[in-house]
C-alpha atoms as a PDB file:
ATOM      1  CA  MET A   1     -12.867  -0.607  -9.598  1.00  0.00           C
ATOM      2  CA  SER A   2     -15.480  -2.960  -8.223  1.00  0.00           C
ATOM      3  CA  GLY A   3     -14.337  -6.577  -8.026  1.00  0.00           C
ATOM      4  CA  SER A   4     -10.744  -5.677  -8.870  1.00  0.00           C
ATOM      5  CA  ARG A   5      -7.464  -5.113  -7.120  1.00  0.00           C
ATOM      6  CA  VAL A   6      -6.907  -1.567  -5.884  1.00  0.00           C
ATOM      7  CA  VAL A   7      -3.644   0.196  -5.139  1.00  0.00           C
ATOM      8  CA  ALA A   8      -3.317   2.769  -2.364  1.00  0.00           C
ATOM      9  CA  LEU A   9      -0.174   4.910  -2.296  1.00  0.00           C
ATOM     10  CA  LEU A  10       0.368   6.736   0.993  1.00  0.00           C
ATOM     11  CA  ARG A  11       2.332   9.955   1.256  1.00  0.00           C
ATOM     12  CA  GLY A  12       5.171  10.396   3.729  1.00  0.00           C
ATOM     13  CA  VAL A  13       5.133   6.979   5.391  1.00  0.00           C
ATOM     14  CA  ASN A  14       8.191   5.966   7.416  1.00  0.00           C
ATOM     15  CA  VAL A  15       9.856   9.302   6.707  1.00  0.00           C
ATOM     16  CA  GLY A  16       9.624  12.521   8.694  1.00  0.00           C
ATOM     17  CA  GLY A  17       8.386  10.844  11.858  1.00  0.00           C
ATOM     18  CA  VAL A  18       5.368   9.006  10.391  1.00  0.00           C
ATOM     19  CA  ALA A  19       6.087   5.416  11.443  1.00  0.00           C
ATOM     20  CA  MET A  20       3.739   2.667  10.294  1.00  0.00           C
ATOM     21  CA  PRO A  21       4.959  -0.913  10.366  1.00  0.00           C
ATOM     22  CA  MET A  22       3.487  -2.527   7.260  1.00  0.00           C
ATOM     23  CA  ALA A  23       2.337  -5.610   9.206  1.00  0.00           C
ATOM     24  CA  GLU A  24       0.212  -3.279  11.343  1.00  0.00           C
ATOM     25  CA  VAL A  25      -1.073  -1.493   8.234  1.00  0.00           C
ATOM     26  CA  ARG A  26      -2.226  -4.839   6.783  1.00  0.00           C
ATOM     27  CA  GLU A  27      -3.838  -5.739  10.091  1.00  0.00           C
ATOM     28  CA  ALA A  28      -5.609  -2.374  10.468  1.00  0.00           C
ATOM     29  CA  VAL A  29      -6.997  -2.428   6.912  1.00  0.00           C
ATOM     30  CA  GLY A  30      -8.023  -6.067   7.321  1.00  0.00           C
ATOM     31  CA  GLU A  31      -9.812  -5.357  10.600  1.00  0.00           C
ATOM     32  CA  ARG A  32     -11.728  -2.604   8.850  1.00  0.00           C
ATOM     33  CA  GLY A  33     -12.956  -5.030   6.186  1.00  0.00           C
ATOM     34  CA  GLY A  34     -10.153  -5.027   3.619  1.00  0.00           C
ATOM     35  CA  ARG A  35      -9.697  -8.334   1.814  1.00  0.00           C
ATOM     36  CA  GLY A  36      -6.521  -9.676   0.228  1.00  0.00           C
ATOM     37  CA  VAL A  37      -4.469  -6.860   1.777  1.00  0.00           C
ATOM     38  CA  ARG A  38      -0.791  -6.818   0.826  1.00  0.00           C
ATOM     39  CA  THR A  39       1.881  -4.208   1.406  1.00  0.00           C
ATOM     40  CA  PHE A  40       5.081  -3.664  -0.538  1.00  0.00           C
ATOM     41  CA  LEU A  41       8.239  -2.167   0.885  1.00  0.00           C
ATOM     42  CA  ALA A  42       8.016   0.049   3.955  1.00  0.00           C
ATOM     43  CA  SER A  43       6.957   3.196   2.124  1.00  0.00           C
ATOM     44  CA  GLY A  44       3.168   2.959   2.147  1.00  0.00           C
ATOM     45  CA  ASN A  45       2.202   0.805  -0.819  1.00  0.00           C
ATOM     46  CA  ILE A  46      -0.994  -1.206  -0.316  1.00  0.00           C
ATOM     47  CA  VAL A  47      -2.847  -3.536  -2.660  1.00  0.00           C
ATOM     48  CA  LEU A  48      -6.269  -4.949  -1.739  1.00  0.00           C
ATOM     49  CA  ASP A  49      -9.485  -6.229  -3.247  1.00  0.00           C
ATOM     50  CA  ALA A  50     -11.912  -3.402  -3.943  1.00  0.00           C
ATOM     51  CA  PRO A  51     -14.930  -3.518  -1.634  1.00  0.00           C
ATOM     52  CA  GLU A  52     -18.490  -3.148  -2.901  1.00  0.00           C
ATOM     53  CA  PRO A  53     -19.130  -0.363  -3.788  1.00  0.00           C
ATOM     54  CA  ALA A  54     -15.591   0.448  -4.919  1.00  0.00           C
ATOM     55  CA  ALA A  55     -15.916   4.044  -3.659  1.00  0.00           C
ATOM     56  CA  ASP A  56     -15.695   2.618  -0.146  1.00  0.00           C
ATOM     57  CA  THR A  57     -12.010   1.796  -0.701  1.00  0.00           C
ATOM     58  CA  ALA A  58     -10.895   5.304   0.224  1.00  0.00           C
ATOM     59  CA  GLN A  59     -13.024   5.350   3.356  1.00  0.00           C
ATOM     60  CA  LEU A  60     -11.911   1.857   4.375  1.00  0.00           C
ATOM     61  CA  VAL A  61      -8.158   2.505   3.990  1.00  0.00           C
ATOM     62  CA  SER A  62      -8.137   6.108   5.189  1.00  0.00           C
ATOM     63  CA  GLY A  63     -10.325   5.255   8.192  1.00  0.00           C
ATOM     64  CA  ALA A  64      -8.137   2.295   9.171  1.00  0.00           C
ATOM     65  CA  LEU A  65      -4.951   4.357   8.972  1.00  0.00           C
ATOM     66  CA  HIS A  66      -6.471   7.257  10.880  1.00  0.00           C
ATOM     67  CA  ASP A  67      -7.855   5.035  13.634  1.00  0.00           C
ATOM     68  CA  ARG A  68      -4.675   2.989  14.110  1.00  0.00           C
ATOM     69  CA  PHE A  69      -1.934   5.544  13.432  1.00  0.00           C
ATOM     70  CA  GLY A  70      -3.566   8.978  13.447  1.00  0.00           C
ATOM     71  CA  TYR A  71      -2.522   9.223   9.778  1.00  0.00           C
ATOM     72  CA  THR A  72      -4.572  11.777   7.867  1.00  0.00           C
ATOM     73  CA  ALA A  73      -2.315  12.503   4.909  1.00  0.00           C
ATOM     74  CA  TRP A  74      -3.344  12.289   1.274  1.00  0.00           C
ATOM     75  CA  VAL A  75      -3.647   8.827  -0.331  1.00  0.00           C
ATOM     76  CA  TRP A  76      -3.776   8.049  -4.053  1.00  0.00           C
ATOM     77  CA  PHE A  77      -6.143   5.233  -5.064  1.00  0.00           C
ATOM     78  CA  GLY A  78      -6.297   3.484  -8.419  1.00  0.00           C
ATOM     79  CA  SER A  79      -7.034   0.145  -9.996  1.00  0.00           C
ATOM     80  CA  LEU A  80      -4.226  -2.269 -10.731  1.00  0.00           C
ATOM     81  CA  GLU A  81      -5.131  -1.777 -14.388  1.00  0.00           C
ATOM     82  CA  ARG A  82      -4.514   1.979 -13.984  1.00  0.00           C
ATOM     83  CA  VAL A  83      -1.088   1.261 -12.463  1.00  0.00           C
ATOM     84  CA  HIS A  84      -0.236  -0.962 -15.450  1.00  0.00           C
ATOM     85  CA  ALA A  85      -1.279   1.836 -17.832  1.00  0.00           C
ATOM     86  CA  ILE A  86       0.869   4.357 -15.937  1.00  0.00           C
ATOM     87  CA  ILE A  87       3.877   2.040 -16.132  1.00  0.00           C
ATOM     88  CA  ASP A  88       3.302   1.456 -19.842  1.00  0.00           C
ATOM     89  CA  GLY A  89       3.066   5.223 -20.405  1.00  0.00           C
ATOM     90  CA  PHE A  90       6.487   6.042 -18.952  1.00  0.00           C
ATOM     91  CA  PRO A  91       7.950   8.240 -21.710  1.00  0.00           C
ATOM     92  CA  PHE A  92      11.685   7.994 -21.053  1.00  0.00           C
ATOM     93  CA  GLU A  93      14.204   5.282 -21.745  1.00  0.00           C
ATOM     94  CA  THR A  94      14.531   3.493 -18.433  1.00  0.00           C
ATOM     95  CA  ASP A  95      18.297   3.097 -18.266  1.00  0.00           C
ATOM     96  CA  GLU A  96      18.276   2.702 -14.507  1.00  0.00           C
ATOM     97  CA  ALA A  97      22.065   2.481 -14.396  1.00  0.00           C
ATOM     98  CA  ALA A  98      22.089   6.152 -15.412  1.00  0.00           C
ATOM     99  CA  HIS A  99      18.720   7.550 -14.261  1.00  0.00           C
ATOM    100  CA  HIS A 100      16.123   7.149 -11.532  1.00  0.00           C
ATOM    101  CA  PRO A 101      12.635   6.937 -13.098  1.00  0.00           C
ATOM    102  CA  TYR A 102       9.771   8.390 -11.027  1.00  0.00           C
ATOM    103  CA  VAL A 103       6.026   8.929 -11.217  1.00  0.00           C
ATOM    104  CA  THR A 104       4.330  11.629  -9.129  1.00  0.00           C
ATOM    105  CA  PHE A 105       0.602  11.221  -8.480  1.00  0.00           C
ATOM    106  CA  ALA A 106      -1.860  14.023  -7.700  1.00  0.00           C
ATOM    107  CA  ASP A 107      -5.529  14.895  -7.981  1.00  0.00           C
ATOM    108  CA  ASP A 108      -4.681  18.531  -8.740  1.00  0.00           C
ATOM    109  CA  GLY A 109      -3.266  18.965 -12.226  1.00  0.00           C
ATOM    110  CA  HIS A 110      -2.054  22.484 -11.403  1.00  0.00           C
ATOM    111  CA  LEU A 111       0.362  21.053  -8.843  1.00  0.00           C
ATOM    112  CA  LEU A 112       1.705  18.613 -11.401  1.00  0.00           C
ATOM    113  CA  ASP A 113       2.128  21.471 -13.889  1.00  0.00           C
ATOM    114  CA  GLU A 114       4.127  23.451 -11.319  1.00  0.00           C
ATOM    115  CA  LEU A 115       6.342  20.475 -10.580  1.00  0.00           C
ATOM    116  CA  ALA A 116       6.880  19.790 -14.282  1.00  0.00           C
ATOM    117  CA  ALA A 117       7.999  23.394 -14.766  1.00  0.00           C
ATOM    118  CA  ALA A 118      10.655  22.914 -12.069  1.00  0.00           C
ATOM    119  CA  ALA A 119      12.445  20.188 -14.040  1.00  0.00           C
ATOM    120  CA  SER A 120      15.619  21.443 -15.628  1.00  0.00           C
ATOM    121  CA  PRO A 121      17.165  19.119 -18.216  1.00  0.00           C
ATOM    122  CA  ASP A 122      20.031  21.561 -18.784  1.00  0.00           C
ATOM    123  CA  GLY A 123      20.455  22.476 -15.111  1.00  0.00           C
ATOM    124  CA  PRO A 124      22.817  20.977 -12.549  1.00  0.00           C
ATOM    125  CA  ALA A 125      20.420  18.149 -11.683  1.00  0.00           C
ATOM    126  CA  GLY A 126      19.659  17.343 -15.326  1.00  0.00           C
ATOM    127  CA  ASP A 127      16.145  16.116 -14.583  1.00  0.00           C
ATOM    128  CA  ARG A 128      13.314  15.817 -17.107  1.00  0.00           C
ATOM    129  CA  ALA A 129       9.540  15.726 -16.654  1.00  0.00           C
ATOM    130  CA  VAL A 130       6.463  15.025 -18.778  1.00  0.00           C
ATOM    131  CA  ARG A 131       2.849  15.591 -17.691  1.00  0.00           C
ATOM    132  CA  ALA A 132       0.215  12.963 -18.366  1.00  0.00           C
ATOM    133  CA  ASP A 133      -3.304  12.232 -17.137  1.00  0.00           C
ATOM    134  CA  GLY A 134      -3.144  12.566 -13.338  1.00  0.00           C
ATOM    135  CA  VAL A 135       0.588  11.903 -13.128  1.00  0.00           C
ATOM    136  CA  LEU A 136       3.951  13.488 -13.732  1.00  0.00           C
ATOM    137  CA  TYR A 137       6.639  11.272 -15.202  1.00  0.00           C
ATOM    138  CA  TRP A 138      10.142  12.383 -14.346  1.00  0.00           C
ATOM    139  CA  GLU A 139      13.676  11.165 -14.146  1.00  0.00           C
ATOM    140  CA  ALA A 140      16.846  12.396 -12.551  1.00  0.00           C
ATOM    141  CA  PRO A 141      20.403  11.280 -13.140  1.00  0.00           C
ATOM    142  CA  ARG A 142      21.457   8.555 -10.743  1.00  0.00           C
ATOM    143  CA  GLY A 143      22.657  10.243  -7.557  1.00  0.00           C
ATOM    144  CA  GLY A 144      21.008  13.536  -8.525  1.00  0.00           C
ATOM    145  CA  THR A 145      17.467  13.145  -7.211  1.00  0.00           C
ATOM    146  CA  LEU A 146      17.995  15.207  -4.061  1.00  0.00           C
ATOM    147  CA  ALA A 147      19.687  17.980  -6.061  1.00  0.00           C
ATOM    148  CA  SER A 148      16.689  18.191  -8.371  1.00  0.00           C
ATOM    149  CA  ALA A 149      14.649  21.401  -8.128  1.00  0.00           C
ATOM    150  CA  LEU A 150      11.571  19.283  -8.802  1.00  0.00           C
ATOM    151  CA  SER A 151      12.374  17.030  -5.839  1.00  0.00           C
ATOM    152  CA  LYS A 152      13.019  19.992  -3.543  1.00  0.00           C
ATOM    153  CA  LEU A 153       9.793  21.687  -4.617  1.00  0.00           C
ATOM    154  CA  SER A 154       7.671  18.552  -4.113  1.00  0.00           C
ATOM    155  CA  ALA A 155       8.814  18.364  -0.467  1.00  0.00           C
ATOM    156  CA  ARG A 156       7.075  21.660   0.337  1.00  0.00           C
ATOM    157  CA  SER A 157       3.782  21.584   2.228  1.00  0.00           C
ATOM    158  CA  ARG A 158       1.934  22.984  -0.814  1.00  0.00           C
ATOM    159  CA  TYR A 159       2.474  19.573  -2.441  1.00  0.00           C
ATOM    160  CA  ALA A 160       1.082  17.517   0.449  1.00  0.00           C
ATOM    161  CA  THR A 161      -1.550  16.111  -1.932  1.00  0.00           C
ATOM    162  CA  THR A 162       1.045  14.451  -4.137  1.00  0.00           C
ATOM    163  CA  THR A 163       3.079  11.296  -3.735  1.00  0.00           C
ATOM    164  CA  THR A 164       5.973   9.948  -5.782  1.00  0.00           C
ATOM    165  CA  ARG A 165       7.077   6.410  -6.527  1.00  0.00           C
ATOM    166  CA  ASN A 166      10.052   4.983  -8.330  1.00  0.00           C
ATOM    167  CA  LEU A 167       9.038   3.109 -11.475  1.00  0.00           C
ATOM    168  CA  ARG A 168      10.629  -0.051 -10.010  1.00  0.00           C
ATOM    169  CA  THR A 169       8.234   0.137  -7.043  1.00  0.00           C
ATOM    170  CA  LEU A 170       5.246   0.462  -9.364  1.00  0.00           C
ATOM    171  CA  ARG A 171       6.419  -2.565 -11.321  1.00  0.00           C
ATOM    172  CA  LYS A 172       6.576  -4.558  -8.076  1.00  0.00           C
ATOM    173  CA  LEU A 173       3.047  -3.470  -7.204  1.00  0.00           C
ATOM    174  CA  ALA A 174       1.809  -4.500 -10.649  1.00  0.00           C
END
């Protein structure tokens, strides 16, 4: 990731009592040495230039958020190229008038497998899921996300090392 743009996706920001104004997030990451820091929406989406060495990105962002906000939740990091590949790999037709397209990120493939098993295309929520490398692609009928067993399961504390984004949000980041 060295010399490239890096995406950081935070879990649980501006929901459930974790309030982080994005202007303050940009400032905190910038003060810690982040360059070219941008945020998108108010849900914890950060893009910045990867520091040298690139492995320092996690320490830089996580340290800034912990110091400023006391935030110690899980953060997904990936190159902008990785985000493009994830978008390109979305396996479902993206008729967003009928369905909400999502991508769930995790380091633990077992958690993604469990979430994928919760999808129920023939159930009341009518959601579908497909596992891929480090992500779970899923969609729910418009208006049915909260009724989805997959959505309900992912809210449990066991899944605190996952984060989900709408495909539209990922496109904006890219």
